[in-house]
């Protein structure tokens, strides 16, 4: 990118006013060391190139902005119009995981990773068809109590429609002050359904555990948040004290989360080895590894199409290192990592900077992780309300552990 000196910028602006639409007429003069306009203004070729860069890069955007201000049928909020430019830059990437955030939206995004935030308890992911889909519901939270279900397509929030490219804004609009309500319109089985849900403080307990039968425990990990590694460690210790010699780790519907937390949990499940390696656009690699000292218990991991991101990192590391068997269906296939940066005005961005690979070099993005044992859930596994009444995936895991 050309960086324009402050001393040159004022002159370029004057030149722009003087030259107007005649910029193209200077093409034959660019081989010389300076350029003289019809008004007698003389600038160096470098300064003209800077001006030409501004015209070529921002001229159309500025023209369209003025066009909107002059022609739109009502007054336009210029600040919001400018915000739209920033959103548009990321929309041009065609990457639903990268985006621009206002200061308020950025705060909401970060608060959802701390384990406590104000909202309704929904986890969502983009679909291949360009929609926003509910992939998990916080147990006992307002969304679940209101009747929303995993698999619902979020069509609108407070009558504003959203799609995969605006998923983060959709998520931010669902959050809000405790005690306020939000209208969520979902598509389910071809029908549009409206839910009015009251926001509450959501305490994301990401780990739950219990004993299934003599010697076999069960740990459910719903996401990888800041507190998940500590919660997982307590759950692991808890089932072992109850006499477990093995356990089922359920990652079904887990959309992922913090990669460093994922590696902490992998360290409890794997001996010394590589969990995942990360690669940037230049081919530079960073390896995430575990140390010796894994749990003495055997385990089987359950996954499905809702298991994404850090869930896939963990599953791939376990599978490639031969630490445990994977049961279920092919995972979501999100093998890219976003980095969040905040600017001085409080706004920020999330941008895809890396993609990750399993220890054996398998590309996860777009492919997912194929379980060692493919086990489907059929319609017969659910009652009329959509509740799971039989679980062949769990049954297979127990068969492998007995």
Protein backbone atom coordinates (compact mmCIF):
# COMPACT_ATOMS: atom_id res chain seq x y z
CA UNK A 1 0.00 0.00 0.00
CA UNK A 2 1.20 3.52 -0.80
CA UNK A 3 1.68 5.65 2.31
CA UNK A 4 1.12 9.34 1.60
CA UNK A 5 3.19 11.95 3.39
CA UNK A 6 1.13 14.59 5.23
CA UNK A 7 2.90 17.37 3.37
CA UNK A 8 1.84 15.82 0.09
CA UNK A 9 -1.74 15.05 1.05
CA UNK A 10 -2.93 18.68 1.09
CA UNK A 11 -1.38 19.26 -2.33
CA UNK A 12 -3.02 16.13 -3.68
CA UNK A 13 -6.40 17.39 -2.47
CA UNK A 14 -5.83 20.73 -4.19
CA UNK A 15 -4.77 18.89 -7.32
CA UNK A 16 -7.87 16.71 -7.19
CA UNK A 17 -10.05 19.83 -7.13
CA UNK A 18 -8.09 21.46 -9.92
CA UNK A 19 -7.87 18.44 -12.16
CA UNK A 20 -11.32 16.97 -11.58
CA UNK A 21 -12.12 14.41 -14.23
CA UNK A 22 -8.98 15.12 -16.26
CA UNK A 23 -6.80 12.58 -14.44
CA UNK A 24 -6.80 10.25 -17.44
CA UNK A 25 -5.37 13.02 -19.62
CA UNK A 26 -2.06 12.92 -17.79
CA UNK A 27 -1.21 9.36 -18.86
CA UNK A 28 1.31 10.53 -21.44
CA UNK A 29 3.12 12.75 -18.96
CA UNK A 30 3.83 10.04 -16.34
CA UNK A 31 7.20 9.16 -17.87
CA UNK A 32 8.50 12.61 -16.90
CA UNK A 33 9.75 13.49 -13.42
CA UNK A 34 7.04 16.06 -12.83
CA UNK A 35 3.55 16.89 -14.01
CA UNK A 36 2.11 20.33 -14.69
CA UNK A 37 -1.63 20.85 -14.78
CA UNK A 38 -3.47 23.32 -16.98
CA UNK A 39 -3.73 25.60 -13.94
CA UNK A 40 0.04 25.70 -13.56
CA UNK A 41 0.26 23.40 -10.53
CA UNK A 42 3.43 21.33 -10.67
CA UNK A 43 3.89 18.09 -8.71
CA UNK A 44 6.37 15.27 -8.88
CA UNK A 45 5.53 12.03 -10.62
CA UNK A 46 5.64 10.28 -7.22
CA UNK A 47 3.04 12.70 -5.89
CA UNK A 48 0.90 12.19 -8.98
CA UNK A 49 1.17 8.42 -8.54
CA UNK A 50 -0.05 8.86 -4.97
CA UNK A 51 -3.00 10.87 -6.26
CA UNK A 52 -3.73 8.32 -8.96
CA UNK A 53 -3.67 5.56 -6.34
CA UNK A 54 -6.31 7.43 -4.31
CA UNK A 55 -8.49 7.90 -7.39
CA UNK A 56 -8.17 4.28 -8.52
CA UNK A 57 -8.67 2.80 -5.04
CA UNK A 58 -11.24 5.07 -3.39
CA UNK A 59 -12.67 7.19 -6.19
CA UNK A 60 -15.63 4.92 -6.96
CA UNK A 61 -16.48 4.41 -3.30
CA UNK A 62 -16.46 8.17 -2.73
CA UNK A 63 -18.56 8.73 -5.84
CA UNK A 64 -21.17 6.16 -4.72
CA UNK A 65 -21.22 7.63 -1.21
CA UNK A 66 -21.99 11.10 -2.61
CA UNK A 67 -24.55 9.60 -4.97
CA UNK A 68 -26.41 7.98 -2.05
CA UNK A 69 -26.34 11.18 0.01
CA UNK A 70 -27.76 13.18 -2.89
CA UNK A 71 -30.37 10.71 -4.15
CA UNK A 72 -31.66 8.57 -1.27
CA UNK A 73 -35.30 9.34 -0.49
CA UNK A 74 -34.69 10.18 3.20
CA UNK A 75 -31.83 11.69 5.18
CA UNK A 76 -28.89 9.34 5.58
CA UNK A 77 -26.85 8.76 8.73
CA UNK A 78 -23.36 9.31 7.32
CA UNK A 79 -21.66 7.54 10.22
CA UNK A 80 -23.70 4.39 9.57
CA UNK A 81 -22.99 4.69 5.86
CA UNK A 82 -19.27 4.74 6.58
CA UNK A 83 -19.62 1.73 8.89
CA UNK A 84 -21.19 -0.09 5.96
CA UNK A 85 -18.00 0.43 3.97
CA UNK A 86 -16.00 -1.42 6.61
CA UNK A 87 -18.46 -4.31 6.67
CA UNK A 88 -18.32 -4.39 2.87
CA UNK A 89 -14.56 -4.80 2.74
CA UNK A 90 -14.86 -8.07 4.64
CA UNK A 91 -17.92 -9.15 2.67
CA UNK A 92 -15.69 -9.03 -0.41
CA UNK A 93 -13.62 -11.88 1.03
CA UNK A 94 -16.52 -14.30 0.82
CA UNK A 95 -15.44 -15.66 4.23
CA UNK A 96 -18.29 -15.81 6.74
CA UNK A 97 -15.80 -16.16 9.60
CA UNK A 98 -14.06 -12.81 8.95
CA UNK A 99 -15.72 -9.51 9.67
CA UNK A 100 -15.79 -5.99 11.08
CA UNK A 101 -17.29 -5.11 14.47
CA UNK A 102 -18.41 -1.85 16.00
CA UNK A 103 -17.08 -1.19 19.51
CA UNK A 104 -20.33 -2.49 21.04
CA UNK A 105 -20.40 -5.64 18.92
CA UNK A 106 -16.75 -6.32 19.72
CA UNK A 107 -17.50 -6.17 23.45
CA UNK A 108 -20.37 -8.62 23.00
CA UNK A 109 -18.15 -10.99 21.03
CA UNK A 110 -15.48 -11.03 23.73
CA UNK A 111 -17.97 -11.38 26.58
CA UNK A 112 -19.34 -14.60 25.09
CA UNK A 113 -15.92 -16.23 25.50
CA UNK A 114 -15.62 -15.53 29.22
CA UNK A 115 -18.33 -18.00 30.20
CA UNK A 116 -20.76 -15.30 31.44
CA UNK A 117 -22.76 -12.91 29.27
CA UNK A 118 -26.25 -11.50 28.83
CA UNK A 119 -28.30 -13.27 26.19
CA UNK A 120 -30.55 -16.27 25.60
CA UNK A 121 -28.10 -19.19 25.38
CA UNK A 122 -27.74 -19.96 21.67
CA UNK A 123 -24.69 -21.28 19.80
CA UNK A 124 -24.81 -20.88 16.02
CA UNK A 125 -22.82 -21.74 12.91
CA UNK A 126 -23.15 -20.83 9.21
CA UNK A 127 -24.51 -23.48 6.86
CA UNK A 128 -23.29 -24.42 3.39
CA UNK A 129 -26.50 -22.93 2.00
CA UNK A 130 -25.75 -19.51 3.49
CA UNK A 131 -27.99 -19.55 6.55
CA UNK A 132 -27.37 -19.25 10.29
CA UNK A 133 -28.21 -22.45 12.15
CA UNK A 134 -28.56 -23.17 15.86
CA UNK A 135 -26.01 -25.87 16.69
CA UNK A 136 -26.36 -25.92 20.48
CA UNK A 137 -28.53 -24.52 23.27
CA UNK A 138 -27.31 -23.78 26.79
CA UNK A 139 -29.18 -26.17 29.05
CA UNK A 140 -31.89 -24.41 31.06
CA UNK A 141 -31.27 -21.04 29.35
CA UNK A 142 -34.11 -18.86 27.98
CA UNK A 143 -33.84 -20.09 24.36
CA UNK A 144 -34.24 -23.71 25.36
CA UNK A 145 -37.10 -22.93 27.74
CA UNK A 146 -38.88 -20.93 25.01
CA UNK A 147 -38.86 -23.90 22.64
CA UNK A 148 -36.04 -23.14 20.22
CA UNK A 149 -34.29 -26.27 18.96
CA UNK A 150 -30.93 -27.37 17.65
CA UNK A 151 -31.12 -27.33 13.85
CA UNK A 152 -33.44 -24.30 13.67
CA UNK A 153 -32.44 -21.72 11.05
CA UNK A 154 -32.30 -18.20 12.48
CA UNK A 155 -34.00 -16.13 9.81
CA UNK A 156 -34.46 -12.80 11.61
CA UNK A 157 -33.85 -11.04 14.92
CA UNK A 158 -36.28 -8.25 15.81
CA UNK A 159 -37.51 -8.44 12.19
CA UNK A 160 -34.02 -7.82 10.75
CA UNK A 161 -32.98 -10.70 8.49
CA UNK A 162 -29.53 -12.29 8.67
CA UNK A 163 -27.50 -14.81 6.72
CA UNK A 164 -24.18 -16.59 7.06
CA UNK A 165 -22.14 -13.52 6.10
CA UNK A 166 -23.73 -11.47 8.91
CA UNK A 167 -23.74 -14.24 11.53
CA UNK A 168 -21.60 -12.35 14.06
CA UNK A 169 -23.89 -9.32 13.85
CA UNK A 170 -26.85 -11.67 14.27
CA UNK A 171 -25.28 -13.10 17.42
CA UNK A 172 -24.59 -9.63 18.80
CA UNK A 173 -28.19 -8.54 18.15
CA UNK A 174 -29.51 -11.49 20.16
CA UNK A 175 -27.46 -10.44 23.18
CA UNK A 176 -28.51 -7.39 25.18
CA UNK A 177 -29.38 -6.04 28.59
CA UNK A 178 -30.72 -8.43 31.21
CA UNK A 179 -34.52 -8.35 31.42
CA UNK A 180 -35.08 -7.06 27.88
CA UNK A 181 -36.72 -9.24 25.23
CA UNK A 182 -35.67 -10.22 21.72
CA UNK A 183 -37.82 -11.57 18.90
CA UNK A 184 -36.18 -14.48 17.10
CA UNK A 185 -37.72 -15.80 13.88
CA UNK A 186 -36.64 -19.30 12.92
CA UNK A 187 -37.34 -21.62 10.00
CA UNK A 188 -38.19 -25.20 10.97
CA UNK A 189 -39.49 -27.84 8.56
CA UNK A 190 -40.45 -25.14 6.07
CA UNK A 191 -42.42 -23.15 8.64
CA UNK A 192 -41.59 -19.69 10.01
CA UNK A 193 -41.94 -19.47 13.81
CA UNK A 194 -41.55 -16.39 16.04
CA UNK A 195 -40.22 -16.62 19.59
CA UNK A 196 -40.06 -13.75 22.06
CA UNK A 197 -37.32 -14.54 24.55
CA UNK A 198 -36.25 -12.62 27.66
CA UNK A 199 -32.51 -12.11 28.03
CA UNK A 200 -30.78 -13.34 31.17
CA UNK A 201 -27.25 -13.58 32.46
CA UNK A 202 -25.95 -16.76 30.87
CA UNK A 203 -23.51 -18.81 32.87
CA UNK A 204 -21.98 -21.20 30.38
CA UNK A 205 -21.14 -24.39 32.24
CA UNK A 206 -19.33 -26.14 29.42
CA UNK A 207 -18.62 -29.48 31.13
CA UNK A 208 -20.98 -31.99 32.74
CA UNK A 209 -20.25 -35.51 33.90
CA UNK A 210 -21.87 -38.63 35.36
CA UNK A 211 -21.40 -42.37 35.70
CA UNK A 212 -23.18 -44.45 33.07
CA UNK A 213 -22.54 -47.92 34.47
CA UNK A 214 -19.99 -49.71 36.61
CA UNK A 215 -16.54 -48.57 35.59
CA UNK A 216 -17.62 -46.28 32.71
CA UNK A 217 -18.10 -42.55 33.08
CA UNK A 218 -19.44 -39.88 30.76
CA UNK A 219 -18.15 -36.34 30.18
CA UNK A 220 -20.01 -33.85 28.00
CA UNK A 221 -17.95 -30.91 26.67
CA UNK A 222 -20.21 -28.32 25.01
CA UNK A 223 -17.62 -25.69 24.03
CA UNK A 224 -14.05 -24.55 24.64
CA UNK A 225 -14.35 -21.41 26.77
CA UNK A 226 -11.93 -19.80 29.23
CA UNK A 227 -13.00 -22.04 32.11
CA UNK A 228 -13.44 -25.29 30.17
CA UNK A 229 -10.01 -26.80 30.90
CA UNK A 230 -10.46 -26.36 34.66
CA UNK A 231 -14.01 -27.75 34.48
CA UNK A 232 -12.80 -30.72 32.42
CA UNK A 233 -10.00 -31.49 34.87
CA UNK A 234 -12.49 -31.56 37.77
CA UNK A 235 -14.87 -33.79 35.83
CA UNK A 236 -12.06 -36.19 34.93
CA UNK A 237 -10.95 -36.39 38.54
CA UNK A 238 -14.55 -36.78 39.69
CA UNK A 239 -15.45 -39.84 37.61
CA UNK A 240 -12.12 -41.47 38.44
CA UNK A 241 -12.86 -41.12 42.15
CA UNK A 242 -16.23 -42.77 41.48
CA UNK A 243 -14.44 -45.83 40.14
CA UNK A 244 -14.33 -45.19 36.39
CA UNK A 245 -11.71 -47.14 34.45
CA UNK A 246 -12.90 -45.59 31.15
CA UNK A 247 -15.26 -42.89 29.91
CA UNK A 248 -17.13 -41.46 26.93
CA UNK A 249 -16.16 -37.94 25.83
CA UNK A 250 -19.15 -36.36 24.08
CA UNK A 251 -18.23 -33.58 21.64
CA UNK A 252 -21.44 -33.76 19.61
CA UNK A 253 -22.76 -30.32 18.77
CA UNK A 254 -19.64 -28.66 20.22
CA UNK A 255 -18.92 -25.70 17.90
CA UNK A 256 -15.36 -25.16 19.18
CA UNK A 257 -13.87 -22.12 20.88
CA UNK A 258 -10.44 -21.23 22.20
CA UNK A 259 -7.61 -23.26 20.66
CA UNK A 260 -5.28 -22.86 23.65
CA UNK A 261 -7.99 -24.31 25.91
CA UNK A 262 -8.37 -27.20 23.46
CA UNK A 263 -4.64 -27.93 23.74
CA UNK A 264 -4.87 -27.83 27.56
CA UNK A 265 -7.60 -30.46 27.44
CA UNK A 266 -5.65 -32.52 24.89
CA UNK A 267 -2.75 -32.56 27.36
CA UNK A 268 -4.97 -34.51 29.78
CA UNK A 269 -5.96 -37.01 27.08
CA UNK A 270 -2.73 -37.55 25.16
CA UNK A 271 0.85 -38.49 25.90
CA UNK A 272 3.65 -36.43 24.39
CA UNK A 273 2.83 -35.61 20.78
CA UNK A 274 1.51 -33.08 18.28
CA UNK A 275 -2.13 -32.08 18.61
CA UNK A 276 -2.32 -29.91 15.51
CA UNK A 277 -0.16 -27.68 13.36
CA UNK A 278 -1.14 -24.28 12.07
CA UNK A 279 -0.07 -22.88 8.70
CA UNK A 280 -0.29 -19.32 7.38
CA UNK A 281 -0.44 -18.06 3.79
CA UNK A 282 3.36 -18.12 3.49
CA UNK A 283 3.58 -21.75 4.58
CA UNK A 284 4.99 -20.94 8.01
CA UNK A 285 3.99 -23.54 10.58
CA UNK A 286 3.41 -23.54 14.31
CA UNK A 287 3.00 -26.81 16.19
CA UNK A 288 0.79 -27.30 19.26
CA UNK A 289 1.96 -30.22 21.37
CA UNK A 290 1.22 -32.08 24.58
CA UNK A 291 3.53 -33.42 27.27
CA UNK A 292 3.60 -36.90 28.78
CA UNK A 293 1.17 -37.71 31.60
CA UNK A 294 -2.26 -38.40 30.11
CA UNK A 295 -5.15 -39.85 32.10
CA UNK A 296 -4.85 -43.58 32.80
CA UNK A 297 -8.46 -44.11 31.74
CA UNK A 298 -9.35 -45.32 28.24
CA UNK A 299 -11.97 -43.31 26.39
CA UNK A 300 -14.06 -43.06 23.22
CA UNK A 301 -14.98 -39.72 21.62
CA UNK A 302 -18.43 -39.00 20.17
CA UNK A 303 -18.71 -36.47 17.30
CA UNK A 304 -21.26 -35.38 14.71
CA UNK A 305 -21.84 -32.74 12.04
CA UNK A 306 -22.11 -30.08 14.73
CA UNK A 307 -18.63 -30.80 16.10
CA UNK A 308 -16.44 -28.02 14.70
CA UNK A 309 -13.19 -26.13 15.04
CA UNK A 310 -11.49 -26.99 18.36
CA UNK A 311 -13.63 -30.13 18.60
CA UNK A 312 -12.07 -31.26 15.35
CA UNK A 313 -8.56 -30.31 16.48
CA UNK A 314 -8.97 -32.44 19.58
CA UNK A 315 -10.53 -35.37 17.71
CA UNK A 316 -7.88 -35.32 14.98
CA UNK A 317 -5.04 -35.20 17.52
CA UNK A 318 -6.49 -38.13 19.45
CA UNK A 319 -7.11 -40.12 16.26
CA UNK A 320 -3.73 -39.54 14.60
CA UNK A 321 -1.85 -40.33 17.80
CA UNK A 322 -3.84 -43.51 18.40
CA UNK A 323 -5.01 -42.34 21.82
CA UNK A 324 -8.68 -43.19 21.46
CA UNK A 325 -11.42 -44.19 19.03
CA UNK A 326 -13.85 -41.75 17.41
CA UNK A 327 -17.53 -42.69 16.96
CA UNK A 328 -20.34 -40.85 15.18
CA UNK A 329 -20.61 -39.00 11.88
CA UNK A 330 -18.25 -36.77 9.87
CA UNK A 331 -17.59 -33.49 11.68
CA UNK A 332 -18.40 -29.98 10.46
CA UNK A 333 -15.13 -29.22 8.67
CA UNK A 334 -14.04 -25.84 10.04
CA UNK A 335 -10.27 -25.97 9.74
CA UNK A 336 -9.44 -22.28 9.82
CA UNK A 337 -8.49 -20.01 12.69
CA UNK A 338 -9.53 -16.41 13.21
CA UNK A 339 -7.58 -13.72 15.02
CA UNK A 340 -9.31 -10.75 16.63
CA UNK A 341 -7.73 -7.30 16.69
CA UNK A 342 -9.11 -4.16 18.31
CA UNK A 343 -8.51 -0.62 17.06
CA UNK A 344 -8.00 2.55 19.09
CA UNK A 345 -11.63 3.69 18.60
CA UNK A 346 -12.94 0.47 20.16
CA UNK A 347 -14.02 -1.16 16.92
CA UNK A 348 -12.32 -4.32 15.79
CA UNK A 349 -12.02 -7.09 13.25
CA UNK A 350 -11.96 -10.84 13.13
CA UNK A 351 -9.93 -12.25 10.26
CA UNK A 352 -9.02 -15.76 9.15
CA UNK A 353 -5.24 -15.92 9.42
CA UNK A 354 -4.38 -19.63 9.60
CA UNK A 355 -5.64 -23.03 8.64
CA UNK A 356 -4.87 -26.09 10.64
CA UNK A 357 -3.96 -29.68 9.89
CA UNK A 358 -4.04 -32.91 11.85
CA UNK A 359 -0.68 -34.29 13.10
CA UNK A 360 -0.56 -36.53 10.01
CA UNK A 361 -1.15 -33.59 7.67
CA UNK A 362 -4.86 -33.99 6.98
CA UNK A 363 -6.57 -30.75 5.93
CA UNK A 364 -9.61 -30.36 8.17
CA UNK A 365 -11.28 -27.37 6.51
CA UNK A 366 -14.05 -28.47 4.19
CA UNK A 367 -13.35 -32.14 4.95
CA UNK A 368 -14.01 -32.67 8.63
CA UNK A 369 -12.87 -35.66 10.66
CA UNK A 370 -14.13 -39.08 9.65
CA UNK A 371 -14.79 -41.25 12.74
CA UNK A 372 -13.25 -44.68 13.17
CA UNK A 373 -16.82 -46.00 13.46
CA UNK A 374 -19.59 -44.33 11.45
CA UNK A 375 -22.85 -44.50 13.39
CA UNK A 376 -25.89 -42.49 12.29
CA UNK A 377 -28.81 -41.25 14.34
CA UNK A 378 -32.07 -42.05 12.52
CA UNK A 379 -35.54 -40.53 12.91
CA UNK A 380 -36.49 -43.42 15.17
CA UNK A 381 -33.92 -42.16 17.70
CA UNK A 382 -36.08 -39.09 18.45
CA UNK A 383 -39.56 -38.56 19.85
CA UNK A 384 -42.13 -36.15 18.41
CA UNK A 385 -40.63 -33.28 20.42
CA UNK A 386 -37.17 -33.91 18.99
CA UNK A 387 -35.77 -35.41 22.18
CA UNK A 388 -33.23 -38.21 21.85
CA UNK A 389 -34.82 -41.44 23.13
CA UNK A 390 -32.26 -43.96 21.87
CA UNK A 391 -28.58 -43.33 21.21
CA UNK A 392 -26.78 -45.88 19.02
CA UNK A 393 -23.66 -43.69 18.97
CA UNK A 394 -23.37 -43.85 22.74
CA UNK A 395 -24.21 -47.56 22.63
CA UNK A 396 -21.30 -48.17 20.24
CA UNK A 397 -18.94 -46.23 22.50
CA UNK A 398 -19.98 -48.34 25.50
CA UNK A 399 -19.50 -51.52 23.47
CA UNK A 400 -15.91 -50.48 22.67
CA UNK A 401 -15.15 -49.68 26.31
CA UNK A 402 -16.64 -52.78 27.95
